[in-house]
Amino acid sequence: MTKILIIDDEKSPRNLLQQILVRDGHEVVTAIDGVDGIDCFVKFDPELVITDMIMPNKNGVELIIELKQLNPDVAIIAMSGGSRTIDADFFLEGAEHLSVQGILQKPFTRDQLREAVQLALKME
């Protein structure tokens, strides 16, 4: 069983990801933003973090940098649906430069999520 931390400020996507991954046999904890995510990361010590890129209090770029400082070996999947003014690709390309193990553009399918999780854990 893999320990996974999901960080997303939007409740519905966060809960849906949690349900899918728990059904797949993973142990899952969720956080509502980057600040909460760091606290959960320290307490839960996950093998994989799936994080949104656009969040209040600490955005995905800041979060990924801090997570990698805390544990350079943690696998990370970045996800984004973009914003009203900036396309999701902009945020996800930035995440790729931070050496994440996977990216997901919202909306994505269950199969795309499962494939990204499997690939990220193999790269770990």
PDB file of N, CA and C in Angstrom:
ATOM      1  N   MET A   1       0.833  -1.166   0.000  1.00  0.00           N
ATOM      2  CA  MET A   1       0.000   0.000   0.000  1.00  0.00           C
ATOM      3  C   MET A   1       0.890   1.247   0.000  1.00  0.00           C
ATOM      4  N   THR A   2       0.649   2.129  -0.940  1.00  0.00           N
ATOM      5  CA  THR A   2       1.419   3.353  -1.081  1.00  0.00           C
ATOM      6  C   THR A   2       0.751   4.483  -0.319  1.00  0.00           C
ATOM      7  N   LYS A   3       1.553   5.271   0.388  1.00  0.00           N
ATOM      8  CA  LYS A   3       1.043   6.441   1.087  1.00  0.00           C
ATOM      9  C   LYS A   3       1.070   7.631   0.127  1.00  0.00           C
ATOM     10  N   ILE A   4      -0.102   8.236  -0.114  1.00  0.00           N
ATOM     11  CA  ILE A   4      -0.234   9.332  -1.070  1.00  0.00           C
ATOM     12  C   ILE A   4      -0.865  10.535  -0.386  1.00  0.00           C
ATOM     13  N   LEU A   5      -0.284  11.705  -0.630  1.00  0.00           N
ATOM     14  CA  LEU A   5      -0.824  12.970  -0.149  1.00  0.00           C
ATOM     15  C   LEU A   5      -1.382  13.741  -1.340  1.00  0.00           C
ATOM     16  N   ILE A   6      -2.647  14.145  -1.254  1.00  0.00           N
ATOM     17  CA  ILE A   6      -3.295  14.951  -2.294  1.00  0.00           C
ATOM     18  C   ILE A   6      -3.462  16.365  -1.754  1.00  0.00           C
ATOM     19  N   ILE A   7      -2.978  17.349  -2.522  1.00  0.00           N
ATOM     20  CA  ILE A   7      -3.084  18.742  -2.107  1.00  0.00           C
ATOM     21  C   ILE A   7      -3.835  19.501  -3.193  1.00  0.00           C
ATOM     22  N   ASP A   8      -5.023  19.986  -2.851  1.00  0.00           N
ATOM     23  CA  ASP A   8      -5.841  20.740  -3.800  1.00  0.00           C
ATOM     24  C   ASP A   8      -6.814  21.598  -3.003  1.00  0.00           C
ATOM     25  N   ASP A   9      -6.930  22.861  -3.375  1.00  0.00           N
ATOM     26  CA  ASP A   9      -7.829  23.762  -2.661  1.00  0.00           C
ATOM     27  C   ASP A   9      -9.291  23.555  -3.048  1.00  0.00           C
ATOM     28  N   GLU A  10      -9.549  22.817  -4.108  1.00  0.00           N
ATOM     29  CA  GLU A  10     -10.922  22.544  -4.526  1.00  0.00           C
ATOM     30  C   GLU A  10     -11.371  21.211  -3.930  1.00  0.00           C
ATOM     31  N   LYS A  11     -12.447  21.274  -3.153  1.00  0.00           N
ATOM     32  CA  LYS A  11     -12.910  20.109  -2.398  1.00  0.00           C
ATOM     33  C   LYS A  11     -13.336  18.935  -3.277  1.00  0.00           C
ATOM     34  N   SER A  12     -14.150  19.189  -4.303  1.00  0.00           N
ATOM     35  CA  SER A  12     -14.675  18.083  -5.121  1.00  0.00           C
ATOM     36  C   SER A  12     -13.577  17.274  -5.804  1.00  0.00           C
ATOM     37  N   PRO A  13     -12.638  17.916  -6.518  1.00  0.00           N
ATOM     38  CA  PRO A  13     -11.571  17.118  -7.137  1.00  0.00           C
ATOM     39  C   PRO A  13     -10.711  16.392  -6.101  1.00  0.00           C
ATOM     40  N   ARG A  14     -10.450  17.064  -4.980  1.00  0.00           N
ATOM     41  CA  ARG A  14      -9.634  16.454  -3.923  1.00  0.00           C
ATOM     42  C   ARG A  14     -10.297  15.187  -3.406  1.00  0.00           C
ATOM     43  N   ASN A  15     -11.605  15.263  -3.134  1.00  0.00           N
ATOM     44  CA  ASN A  15     -12.335  14.096  -2.610  1.00  0.00           C
ATOM     45  C   ASN A  15     -12.447  12.984  -3.649  1.00  0.00           C
ATOM     46  N   LEU A  16     -12.652  13.354  -4.914  1.00  0.00           N
ATOM     47  CA  LEU A  16     -12.750  12.348  -5.969  1.00  0.00           C
ATOM     48  C   LEU A  16     -11.422  11.601  -6.131  1.00  0.00           C
ATOM     49  N   LEU A  17     -10.319  12.334  -6.144  1.00  0.00           N
ATOM     50  CA  LEU A  17      -9.000  11.679  -6.237  1.00  0.00           C
ATOM     51  C   LEU A  17      -8.786  10.736  -5.063  1.00  0.00           C
ATOM     52  N   GLN A  18      -9.162  11.190  -3.871  1.00  0.00           N
ATOM     53  CA  GLN A  18      -9.007  10.352  -2.692  1.00  0.00           C
ATOM     54  C   GLN A  18      -9.813   9.062  -2.830  1.00  0.00           C
ATOM     55  N   GLN A  19     -11.061   9.165  -3.259  1.00  0.00           N
ATOM     56  CA  GLN A  19     -11.904   7.977  -3.418  1.00  0.00           C
ATOM     57  C   GLN A  19     -11.300   6.986  -4.412  1.00  0.00           C
ATOM     58  N   ILE A  20     -10.848   7.490  -5.549  1.00  0.00           N
ATOM     59  CA  ILE A  20     -10.266   6.611  -6.570  1.00  0.00           C
ATOM     60  C   ILE A  20      -9.038   5.890  -6.030  1.00  0.00           C
ATOM     61  N   LEU A  21      -8.152   6.642  -5.395  1.00  0.00           N
ATOM     62  CA  LEU A  21      -6.887   6.061  -4.937  1.00  0.00           C
ATOM     63  C   LEU A  21      -7.075   5.123  -3.744  1.00  0.00           C
ATOM     64  N   VAL A  22      -8.029   5.412  -2.877  1.00  0.00           N
ATOM     65  CA  VAL A  22      -8.323   4.501  -1.763  1.00  0.00           C
ATOM     66  C   VAL A  22      -8.887   3.193  -2.311  1.00  0.00           C
ATOM     67  N   ARG A  23      -9.787   3.284  -3.298  1.00  0.00           N
ATOM     68  CA  ARG A  23     -10.328   2.065  -3.933  1.00  0.00           C
ATOM     69  C   ARG A  23      -9.233   1.234  -4.581  1.00  0.00           C
ATOM     70  N   ASP A  24      -8.193   1.919  -5.052  1.00  0.00           N
ATOM     71  CA  ASP A  24      -7.071   1.213  -5.668  1.00  0.00           C
ATOM     72  C   ASP A  24      -6.100   0.648  -4.630  1.00  0.00           C
ATOM     73  N   GLY A  25      -6.414   0.834  -3.350  1.00  0.00           N
ATOM     74  CA  GLY A  25      -5.618   0.217  -2.289  1.00  0.00           C
ATOM     75  C   GLY A  25      -4.552   1.098  -1.668  1.00  0.00           C
ATOM     76  N   HIS A  26      -4.573   2.385  -1.940  1.00  0.00           N
ATOM     77  CA  HIS A  26      -3.573   3.293  -1.381  1.00  0.00           C
ATOM     78  C   HIS A  26      -4.077   3.909  -0.083  1.00  0.00           C
ATOM     79  N   GLU A  27      -3.148   4.288   0.759  1.00  0.00           N
ATOM     80  CA  GLU A  27      -3.462   5.051   1.966  1.00  0.00           C
ATOM     81  C   GLU A  27      -3.345   6.527   1.585  1.00  0.00           C
ATOM     82  N   VAL A  28      -4.416   7.286   1.765  1.00  0.00           N
ATOM     83  CA  VAL A  28      -4.468   8.657   1.241  1.00  0.00           C
ATOM     84  C   VAL A  28      -4.827   9.660   2.328  1.00  0.00           C
ATOM     85  N   VAL A  29      -4.075  10.764   2.333  1.00  0.00           N
ATOM     86  CA  VAL A  29      -4.365  11.910   3.186  1.00  0.00           C
ATOM     87  C   VAL A  29      -4.515  13.108   2.266  1.00  0.00           C
ATOM     88  N   THR A  30      -5.390  14.063   2.642  1.00  0.00           N
ATOM     89  CA  THR A  30      -5.593  15.241   1.810  1.00  0.00           C
ATOM     90  C   THR A  30      -5.254  16.516   2.574  1.00  0.00           C
ATOM     91  N   ALA A  31      -4.918  17.551   1.793  1.00  0.00           N
ATOM     92  CA  ALA A  31      -4.634  18.874   2.347  1.00  0.00           C
ATOM     93  C   ALA A  31      -5.322  19.920   1.479  1.00  0.00           C
ATOM     94  N   ILE A  32      -5.712  21.032   2.095  1.00  0.00           N
ATOM     95  CA  ILE A  32      -6.516  22.036   1.396  1.00  0.00           C
ATOM     96  C   ILE A  32      -5.702  23.129   0.708  1.00  0.00           C
ATOM     97  N   ASP A  33      -4.409  23.219   0.998  1.00  0.00           N
ATOM     98  CA  ASP A  33      -3.549  24.190   0.330  1.00  0.00           C
ATOM     99  C   ASP A  33      -2.089  23.832   0.600  1.00  0.00           C
ATOM    100  N   GLY A  34      -1.179  24.638   0.080  1.00  0.00           N
ATOM    101  CA  GLY A  34       0.237  24.329   0.226  1.00  0.00           C
ATOM    102  C   GLY A  34       0.744  24.357   1.651  1.00  0.00           C
ATOM    103  N   VAL A  35       0.222  25.281   2.450  1.00  0.00           N
ATOM    104  CA  VAL A  35       0.646  25.358   3.853  1.00  0.00           C
ATOM    105  C   VAL A  35       0.200  24.105   4.609  1.00  0.00           C
ATOM    106  N   ASP A  36      -1.059  23.746   4.458  1.00  0.00           N
ATOM    107  CA  ASP A  36      -1.586  22.521   5.065  1.00  0.00           C
ATOM    108  C   ASP A  36      -0.855  21.304   4.500  1.00  0.00           C
ATOM    109  N   GLY A  37      -0.524  21.368   3.215  1.00  0.00           N
ATOM    110  CA  GLY A  37       0.188  20.272   2.570  1.00  0.00           C
ATOM    111  C   GLY A  37       1.543  19.990   3.192  1.00  0.00           C
ATOM    112  N   ILE A  38       2.285  21.042   3.514  1.00  0.00           N
ATOM    113  CA  ILE A  38       3.589  20.848   4.161  1.00  0.00           C
ATOM    114  C   ILE A  38       3.412  20.189   5.519  1.00  0.00           C
ATOM    115  N   ASP A  39       2.435  20.651   6.303  1.00  0.00           N
ATOM    116  CA  ASP A  39       2.169  20.039   7.614  1.00  0.00           C
ATOM    117  C   ASP A  39       1.831  18.553   7.473  1.00  0.00           C
ATOM    118  N   CYS A  40       0.944  18.231   6.533  1.00  0.00           N
ATOM    119  CA  CYS A  40       0.571  16.831   6.305  1.00  0.00           C
ATOM    120  C   CYS A  40       1.760  16.011   5.814  1.00  0.00           C
ATOM    121  N   PHE A  41       2.577  16.607   4.965  1.00  0.00           N
ATOM    122  CA  PHE A  41       3.750  15.915   4.430  1.00  0.00           C
ATOM    123  C   PHE A  41       4.692  15.504   5.561  1.00  0.00           C
ATOM    124  N   VAL A  42       4.945  16.409   6.476  1.00  0.00           N
ATOM    125  CA  VAL A  42       5.853  16.124   7.592  1.00  0.00           C
ATOM    126  C   VAL A  42       5.275  15.039   8.498  1.00  0.00           C
ATOM    127  N   LYS A  43       3.964  15.084   8.761  1.00  0.00           N
ATOM    128  CA  LYS A  43       3.332  14.117   9.661  1.00  0.00           C
ATOM    129  C   LYS A  43       3.115  12.751   9.010  1.00  0.00           C
ATOM    130  N   PHE A  44       2.748  12.740   7.736  1.00  0.00           N
ATOM    131  CA  PHE A  44       2.316  11.520   7.046  1.00  0.00           C
ATOM    132  C   PHE A  44       3.451  10.799   6.328  1.00  0.00           C
ATOM    133  N   ASP A  45       4.485  11.547   5.917  1.00  0.00           N
ATOM    134  CA  ASP A  45       5.645  10.999   5.203  1.00  0.00           C
ATOM    135  C   ASP A  45       5.226  10.138   3.994  1.00  0.00           C
ATOM    136  N   PRO A  46       4.537  10.751   3.019  1.00  0.00           N
ATOM    137  CA  PRO A  46       4.053   9.985   1.866  1.00  0.00           C
ATOM    138  C   PRO A  46       5.166   9.642   0.881  1.00  0.00           C
ATOM    139  N   GLU A  47       4.899   8.599   0.101  1.00  0.00           N
ATOM    140  CA  GLU A  47       5.813   8.233  -0.979  1.00  0.00           C
ATOM    141  C   GLU A  47       5.521   9.036  -2.239  1.00  0.00           C
ATOM    142  N   LEU A  48       4.275   9.527  -2.352  1.00  0.00           N
ATOM    143  CA  LEU A  48       3.837  10.276  -3.527  1.00  0.00           C
ATOM    144  C   LEU A  48       2.976  11.449  -3.099  1.00  0.00           C
ATOM    145  N   VAL A  49       3.214  12.604  -3.730  1.00  0.00           N
ATOM    146  CA  VAL A  49       2.380  13.785  -3.522  1.00  0.00           C
ATOM    147  C   VAL A  49       1.754  14.155  -4.864  1.00  0.00           C
ATOM    148  N   ILE A  50       0.446  14.356  -4.858  1.00  0.00           N
ATOM    149  CA  ILE A  50      -0.258  14.853  -6.043  1.00  0.00           C
ATOM    150  C   ILE A  50      -0.769  16.239  -5.665  1.00  0.00           C
ATOM    151  N   THR A  51      -0.276  17.257  -6.366  1.00  0.00           N
ATOM    152  CA  THR A  51      -0.622  18.617  -5.978  1.00  0.00           C
ATOM    153  C   THR A  51      -1.132  19.464  -7.128  1.00  0.00           C
ATOM    154  N   ASP A  52      -2.101  20.300  -6.800  1.00  0.00           N
ATOM    155  CA  ASP A  52      -2.552  21.317  -7.731  1.00  0.00           C
ATOM    156  C   ASP A  52      -1.466  22.385  -7.793  1.00  0.00           C
ATOM    157  N   MET A  53      -1.440  23.139  -8.883  1.00  0.00           N
ATOM    158  CA  MET A  53      -0.432  24.179  -9.045  1.00  0.00           C
ATOM    159  C   MET A  53      -0.937  25.560  -8.639  1.00  0.00           C
ATOM    160  N   ILE A  54      -2.240  25.775  -8.714  1.00  0.00           N
ATOM    161  CA  ILE A  54      -2.798  27.092  -8.398  1.00  0.00           C
ATOM    162  C   ILE A  54      -3.611  26.972  -7.116  1.00  0.00           C
ATOM    163  N   MET A  55      -3.041  27.496  -6.020  1.00  0.00           N
ATOM    164  CA  MET A  55      -3.695  27.425  -4.715  1.00  0.00           C
ATOM    165  C   MET A  55      -3.371  28.676  -3.916  1.00  0.00           C
ATOM    166  N   PRO A  56      -4.229  29.008  -2.957  1.00  0.00           N
ATOM    167  CA  PRO A  56      -3.920  30.126  -2.062  1.00  0.00           C
ATOM    168  C   PRO A  56      -2.851  29.727  -1.041  1.00  0.00           C
ATOM    169  N   ASN A  57      -2.265  30.699  -0.428  1.00  0.00           N
ATOM    170  CA  ASN A  57      -1.311  30.561   0.682  1.00  0.00           C
ATOM    171  C   ASN A  57       0.069  30.041   0.274  1.00  0.00           C
ATOM    172  N   LYS A  58       0.142  29.109  -0.630  1.00  0.00           N
ATOM    173  CA  LYS A  58       1.426  28.607  -1.144  1.00  0.00           C
ATOM    174  C   LYS A  58       1.111  27.910  -2.451  1.00  0.00           C
ATOM    175  N   ASN A  59       1.604  28.463  -3.566  1.00  0.00           N
ATOM    176  CA  ASN A  59       1.279  27.868  -4.863  1.00  0.00           C
ATOM    177  C   ASN A  59       2.087  26.603  -5.100  1.00  0.00           C
ATOM    178  N   GLY A  60       1.776  25.922  -6.182  1.00  0.00           N
ATOM    179  CA  GLY A  60       2.409  24.641  -6.469  1.00  0.00           C
ATOM    180  C   GLY A  60       3.908  24.707  -6.650  1.00  0.00           C
ATOM    181  N   VAL A  61       4.404  25.759  -7.279  1.00  0.00           N
ATOM    182  CA  VAL A  61       5.856  25.895  -7.476  1.00  0.00           C
ATOM    183  C   VAL A  61       6.556  26.013  -6.127  1.00  0.00           C
ATOM    184  N   GLU A  62       6.065  26.905  -5.267  1.00  0.00           N
ATOM    185  CA  GLU A  62       6.652  27.063  -3.933  1.00  0.00           C
ATOM    186  C   GLU A  62       6.577  25.756  -3.157  1.00  0.00           C
ATOM    187  N   LEU A  63       5.454  25.094  -3.268  1.00  0.00           N
ATOM    188  CA  LEU A  63       5.239  23.839  -2.556  1.00  0.00           C
ATOM    189  C   LEU A  63       6.213  22.755  -3.015  1.00  0.00           C
ATOM    190  N   ILE A  64       6.348  22.589  -4.322  1.00  0.00           N
ATOM    191  CA  ILE A  64       7.244  21.547  -4.852  1.00  0.00           C
ATOM    192  C   ILE A  64       8.681  21.807  -4.419  1.00  0.00           C
ATOM    193  N   ILE A  65       9.116  23.051  -4.472  1.00  0.00           N
ATOM    194  CA  ILE A  65      10.477  23.386  -4.036  1.00  0.00           C
ATOM    195  C   ILE A  65      10.674  23.002  -2.574  1.00  0.00           C
ATOM    196  N   GLU A  66       9.706  23.344  -1.732  1.00  0.00           N
ATOM    197  CA  GLU A  66       9.826  23.024  -0.309  1.00  0.00           C
ATOM    198  C   GLU A  66       9.757  21.524  -0.047  1.00  0.00           C
ATOM    199  N   LEU A  67       8.880  20.813  -0.758  1.00  0.00           N
ATOM    200  CA  LEU A  67       8.810  19.357  -0.594  1.00  0.00           C
ATOM    201  C   LEU A  67      10.129  18.695  -0.964  1.00  0.00           C
ATOM    202  N   LYS A  68      10.736  19.141  -2.056  1.00  0.00           N
ATOM    203  CA  LYS A  68      12.015  18.563  -2.503  1.00  0.00           C
ATOM    204  C   LYS A  68      13.140  18.883  -1.522  1.00  0.00           C
ATOM    205  N   GLN A  69      13.040  20.025  -0.823  1.00  0.00           N
ATOM    206  CA  GLN A  69      14.031  20.341   0.205  1.00  0.00           C
ATOM    207  C   GLN A  69      13.861  19.424   1.410  1.00  0.00           C
ATOM    208  N   LEU A  70      12.613  19.117   1.750  1.00  0.00           N
ATOM    209  CA  LEU A  70      12.340  18.225   2.879  1.00  0.00           C
ATOM    210  C   LEU A  70      12.698  16.776   2.561  1.00  0.00           C
ATOM    211  N   ASN A  71      12.421  16.360   1.328  1.00  0.00           N
ATOM    212  CA  ASN A  71      12.724  14.989   0.911  1.00  0.00           C
ATOM    213  C   ASN A  71      12.969  14.966  -0.592  1.00  0.00           C
ATOM    214  N   PRO A  72      14.228  15.018  -1.012  1.00  0.00           N
ATOM    215  CA  PRO A  72      14.547  15.057  -2.445  1.00  0.00           C
ATOM    216  C   PRO A  72      14.057  13.840  -3.231  1.00  0.00           C
ATOM    217  N   ASP A  73      13.737  12.749  -2.534  1.00  0.00           N
ATOM    218  CA  ASP A  73      13.348  11.514  -3.207  1.00  0.00           C
ATOM    219  C   ASP A  73      11.841  11.340  -3.359  1.00  0.00           C
ATOM    220  N   VAL A  74      11.047  12.249  -2.813  1.00  0.00           N
ATOM    221  CA  VAL A  74       9.595  12.079  -2.888  1.00  0.00           C
ATOM    222  C   VAL A  74       9.137  12.217  -4.346  1.00  0.00           C
ATOM    223  N   ALA A  75       8.225  11.352  -4.736  1.00  0.00           N
ATOM    224  CA  ALA A  75       7.638  11.435  -6.084  1.00  0.00           C
ATOM    225  C   ALA A  75       6.506  12.461  -6.046  1.00  0.00           C
ATOM    226  N   ILE A  76       6.436  13.287  -7.098  1.00  0.00           N
ATOM    227  CA  ILE A  76       5.424  14.339  -7.157  1.00  0.00           C
ATOM    228  C   ILE A  76       4.745  14.344  -8.519  1.00  0.00           C
ATOM    229  N   ILE A  77       3.424  14.441  -8.493  1.00  0.00           N
ATOM    230  CA  ILE A  77       2.628  14.656  -9.702  1.00  0.00           C
ATOM    231  C   ILE A  77       1.980  16.024  -9.565  1.00  0.00           C
ATOM    232  N   ALA A  78       2.199  16.881 -10.559  1.00  0.00           N
ATOM    233  CA  ALA A  78       1.587  18.207 -10.568  1.00  0.00           C
ATOM    234  C   ALA A  78       0.350  18.167 -11.455  1.00  0.00           C
ATOM    235  N   MET A  79      -0.692  18.873 -11.029  1.00  0.00           N
ATOM    236  CA  MET A  79      -1.905  18.932 -11.844  1.00  0.00           C
ATOM    237  C   MET A  79      -2.406  20.377 -11.893  1.00  0.00           C
ATOM    238  N   SER A  80      -3.032  20.719 -13.006  1.00  0.00           N
ATOM    239  CA  SER A  80      -3.583  22.069 -13.138  1.00  0.00           C
ATOM    240  C   SER A  80      -4.636  22.098 -14.226  1.00  0.00           C
ATOM    241  N   GLY A  81      -5.607  22.941 -14.000  1.00  0.00           N
ATOM    242  CA  GLY A  81      -6.610  23.234 -15.024  1.00  0.00           C
ATOM    243  C   GLY A  81      -6.420  24.635 -15.563  1.00  0.00           C
ATOM    244  N   GLY A  82      -5.322  25.286 -15.135  1.00  0.00           N
ATOM    245  CA  GLY A  82      -5.060  26.654 -15.552  1.00  0.00           C
ATOM    246  C   GLY A  82      -5.868  27.629 -14.716  1.00  0.00           C
ATOM    247  N   SER A  83      -5.865  28.858 -15.167  1.00  0.00           N
ATOM    248  CA  SER A  83      -6.645  29.902 -14.502  1.00  0.00           C
ATOM    249  C   SER A  83      -7.445  30.644 -15.560  1.00  0.00           C
ATOM    250  N   ARG A  84      -8.151  31.648 -15.147  1.00  0.00           N
ATOM    251  CA  ARG A  84      -8.961  32.403 -16.101  1.00  0.00           C
ATOM    252  C   ARG A  84      -8.105  33.100 -17.149  1.00  0.00           C
ATOM    253  N   THR A  85      -6.881  33.444 -16.776  1.00  0.00           N
ATOM    254  CA  THR A  85      -6.032  34.214 -17.693  1.00  0.00           C
ATOM    255  C   THR A  85      -4.813  33.461 -18.210  1.00  0.00           C
ATOM    256  N   ILE A  86      -4.473  32.351 -17.569  1.00  0.00           N
ATOM    257  CA  ILE A  86      -3.268  31.625 -17.959  1.00  0.00           C
ATOM    258  C   ILE A  86      -3.611  30.156 -18.189  1.00  0.00           C
ATOM    259  N   ASP A  87      -3.148  29.616 -19.303  1.00  0.00           N
ATOM    260  CA  ASP A  87      -3.393  28.232 -19.685  1.00  0.00           C
ATOM    261  C   ASP A  87      -2.693  27.264 -18.728  1.00  0.00           C
ATOM    262  N   ALA A  88      -3.274  26.090 -18.538  1.00  0.00           N
ATOM    263  CA  ALA A  88      -2.701  25.065 -17.659  1.00  0.00           C
ATOM    264  C   ALA A  88      -1.294  24.673 -18.087  1.00  0.00           C
ATOM    265  N   ASP A  89      -1.022  24.669 -19.391  1.00  0.00           N
ATOM    266  CA  ASP A  89       0.305  24.281 -19.875  1.00  0.00           C
ATOM    267  C   ASP A  89       1.411  25.124 -19.255  1.00  0.00           C
ATOM    268  N   PHE A  90       1.143  26.406 -19.034  1.00  0.00           N
ATOM    269  CA  PHE A  90       2.133  27.300 -18.439  1.00  0.00           C
ATOM    270  C   PHE A  90       2.559  26.790 -17.069  1.00  0.00           C
ATOM    271  N   PHE A  91       1.590  26.434 -16.239  1.00  0.00           N
ATOM    272  CA  PHE A  91       1.878  25.955 -14.892  1.00  0.00           C
ATOM    273  C   PHE A  91       2.531  24.581 -14.908  1.00  0.00           C
ATOM    274  N   LEU A  92       2.067  23.717 -15.786  1.00  0.00           N
ATOM    275  CA  LEU A  92       2.600  22.358 -15.835  1.00  0.00           C
ATOM    276  C   LEU A  92       4.008  22.323 -16.407  1.00  0.00           C
ATOM    277  N   GLU A  93       4.314  23.196 -17.370  1.00  0.00           N
ATOM    278  CA  GLU A  93       5.679  23.285 -17.884  1.00  0.00           C
ATOM    279  C   GLU A  93       6.630  23.748 -16.777  1.00  0.00           C
ATOM    280  N   GLY A  94       6.165  24.678 -15.962  1.00  0.00           N
ATOM    281  CA  GLY A  94       6.975  25.118 -14.828  1.00  0.00           C
ATOM    282  C   GLY A  94       7.243  23.974 -13.864  1.00  0.00           C
ATOM    283  N   ALA A  95       6.248  23.148 -13.637  1.00  0.00           N
ATOM    284  CA  ALA A  95       6.417  21.998 -12.747  1.00  0.00           C
ATOM    285  C   ALA A  95       7.422  21.000 -13.311  1.00  0.00           C
ATOM    286  N   GLU A  96       7.403  20.802 -14.623  1.00  0.00           N
ATOM    287  CA  GLU A  96       8.358  19.878 -15.242  1.00  0.00           C
ATOM    288  C   GLU A  96       9.794  20.321 -14.996  1.00  0.00           C
ATOM    289  N   HIS A  97      10.026  21.620 -14.954  1.00  0.00           N
ATOM    290  CA  HIS A  97      11.376  22.144 -14.698  1.00  0.00           C
ATOM    291  C   HIS A  97      11.810  21.904 -13.254  1.00  0.00           C
ATOM    292  N   LEU A  98      10.865  21.553 -12.401  1.00  0.00           N
ATOM    293  CA  LEU A  98      11.181  21.261 -11.005  1.00  0.00           C
ATOM    294  C   LEU A  98      11.345  19.766 -10.765  1.00  0.00           C
ATOM    295  N   SER A  99      11.459  19.004 -11.831  1.00  0.00           N
ATOM    296  CA  SER A  99      11.726  17.560 -11.758  1.00  0.00           C
ATOM    297  C   SER A  99      10.611  16.760 -11.096  1.00  0.00           C
ATOM    298  N   VAL A 100       9.367  17.087 -11.433  1.00  0.00           N
ATOM    299  CA  VAL A 100       8.267  16.247 -10.959  1.00  0.00           C
ATOM    300  C   VAL A 100       8.237  14.969 -11.789  1.00  0.00           C
ATOM    301  N   GLN A 101       7.607  13.943 -11.242  1.00  0.00           N
ATOM    302  CA  GLN A 101       7.559  12.651 -11.920  1.00  0.00           C
ATOM    303  C   GLN A 101       6.371  12.524 -12.866  1.00  0.00           C
ATOM    304  N   GLY A 102       5.439  13.460 -12.798  1.00  0.00           N
ATOM    305  CA  GLY A 102       4.290  13.387 -13.685  1.00  0.00           C
ATOM    306  C   GLY A 102       3.500  14.672 -13.667  1.00  0.00           C
ATOM    307  N   ILE A 103       2.739  14.886 -14.745  1.00  0.00           N
ATOM    308  CA  ILE A 103       1.840  16.030 -14.815  1.00  0.00           C
ATOM    309  C   ILE A 103       0.479  15.564 -15.325  1.00  0.00           C
ATOM    310  N   LEU A 104      -0.561  16.209 -14.836  1.00  0.00           N
ATOM    311  CA  LEU A 104      -1.922  15.911 -15.263  1.00  0.00           C
ATOM    312  C   LEU A 104      -2.634  17.227 -15.529  1.00  0.00           C
ATOM    313  N   GLN A 105      -3.205  17.357 -16.708  1.00  0.00           N
ATOM    314  CA  GLN A 105      -3.994  18.539 -17.010  1.00  0.00           C
ATOM    315  C   GLN A 105      -5.452  18.240 -16.718  1.00  0.00           C
ATOM    316  N   LYS A 106      -6.063  19.059 -15.860  1.00  0.00           N
ATOM    317  CA  LYS A 106      -7.471  18.898 -15.520  1.00  0.00           C
ATOM    318  C   LYS A 106      -8.331  19.351 -16.688  1.00  0.00           C
ATOM    319  N   PRO A 107      -9.422  18.699 -16.954  1.00  0.00           N
ATOM    320  CA  PRO A 107      -9.875  17.449 -16.326  1.00  0.00           C
ATOM    321  C   PRO A 107      -9.124  16.253 -16.917  1.00  0.00           C
ATOM    322  N   PHE A 108      -8.947  15.233 -16.111  1.00  0.00           N
ATOM    323  CA  PHE A 108      -8.302  14.005 -16.576  1.00  0.00           C
ATOM    324  C   PHE A 108      -9.159  12.815 -16.167  1.00  0.00           C
ATOM    325  N   THR A 109      -8.897  11.678 -16.792  1.00  0.00           N
ATOM    326  CA  THR A 109      -9.682  10.473 -16.527  1.00  0.00           C
ATOM    327  C   THR A 109      -9.079   9.663 -15.384  1.00  0.00           C
ATOM    328  N   ARG A 110      -9.854   8.729 -14.892  1.00  0.00           N
ATOM    329  CA  ARG A 110      -9.344   7.807 -13.862  1.00  0.00           C
ATOM    330  C   ARG A 110      -8.147   7.026 -14.383  1.00  0.00           C
ATOM    331  N   ASP A 111      -8.235   6.604 -15.634  1.00  0.00           N
ATOM    332  CA  ASP A 111      -7.127   5.845 -16.213  1.00  0.00           C
ATOM    333  C   ASP A 111      -5.864   6.688 -16.321  1.00  0.00           C
ATOM    334  N   GLN A 112      -6.017   7.960 -16.685  1.00  0.00           N
ATOM    335  CA  GLN A 112      -4.850   8.846 -16.753  1.00  0.00           C
ATOM    336  C   GLN A 112      -4.246   9.036 -15.366  1.00  0.00           C
ATOM    337  N   LEU A 113      -5.088   9.162 -14.351  1.00  0.00           N
ATOM    338  CA  LEU A 113      -4.604   9.280 -12.977  1.00  0.00           C
ATOM    339  C   LEU A 113      -3.843   8.028 -12.573  1.00  0.00           C
ATOM    340  N   ARG A 114      -4.450   6.873 -12.803  1.00  0.00           N
ATOM    341  CA  ARG A 114      -3.811   5.614 -12.413  1.00  0.00           C
ATOM    342  C   ARG A 114      -2.474   5.414 -13.130  1.00  0.00           C
ATOM    343  N   GLU A 115      -2.435   5.750 -14.406  1.00  0.00           N
ATOM    344  CA  GLU A 115      -1.189   5.617 -15.170  1.00  0.00           C
ATOM    345  C   GLU A 115      -0.116   6.562 -14.630  1.00  0.00           C
ATOM    346  N   ALA A 116      -0.490   7.797 -14.323  1.00  0.00           N
ATOM    347  CA  ALA A 116       0.466   8.761 -13.786  1.00  0.00           C
ATOM    348  C   ALA A 116       1.007   8.291 -12.439  1.00  0.00           C
ATOM    349  N   VAL A 117       0.153   7.747 -11.594  1.00  0.00           N
ATOM    350  CA  VAL A 117       0.579   7.242 -10.275  1.00  0.00           C
ATOM    351  C   VAL A 117       1.545   6.082 -10.458  1.00  0.00           C
ATOM    352  N   GLN A 118       1.215   5.137 -11.318  1.00  0.00           N
ATOM    353  CA  GLN A 118       2.098   3.987 -11.547  1.00  0.00           C
ATOM    354  C   GLN A 118       3.465   4.427 -12.069  1.00  0.00           C
ATOM    355  N   LEU A 119       3.461   5.337 -13.032  1.00  0.00           N
ATOM    356  CA  LEU A 119       4.732   5.813 -13.598  1.00  0.00           C
ATOM    357  C   LEU A 119       5.552   6.566 -12.560  1.00  0.00           C
ATOM    358  N   ALA A 120       4.904   7.413 -11.788  1.00  0.00           N
ATOM    359  CA  ALA A 120       5.621   8.196 -10.774  1.00  0.00           C
ATOM    360  C   ALA A 120       6.260   7.293  -9.733  1.00  0.00           C
ATOM    361  N   LEU A 121       5.565   6.249  -9.331  1.00  0.00           N
ATOM    362  CA  LEU A 121       6.102   5.347  -8.317  1.00  0.00           C
ATOM    363  C   LEU A 121       7.235   4.479  -8.870  1.00  0.00           C
ATOM    364  N   LYS A 122       7.200   4.173 -10.160  1.00  0.00           N
ATOM    365  CA  LYS A 122       8.307   3.418 -10.779  1.00  0.00           C
ATOM    366  C   LYS A 122       9.558   4.271 -10.885  1.00  0.00           C
ATOM    367  N   MET A 123       9.384   5.576 -11.074  1.00  0.00           N
ATOM    368  CA  MET A 123      10.511   6.490 -11.221  1.00  0.00           C
ATOM    369  C   MET A 123      11.153   6.817  -9.886  1.00  0.00           C
ATOM    370  N   GLU A 124      10.428   6.590  -8.814  1.00  0.00           N
ATOM    371  CA  GLU A 124      10.876   6.961  -7.462  1.00  0.00           C
ATOM    372  C   GLU A 124      12.221   6.374  -7.135  1.00  0.00           C
TER     373      GLU A 124
END
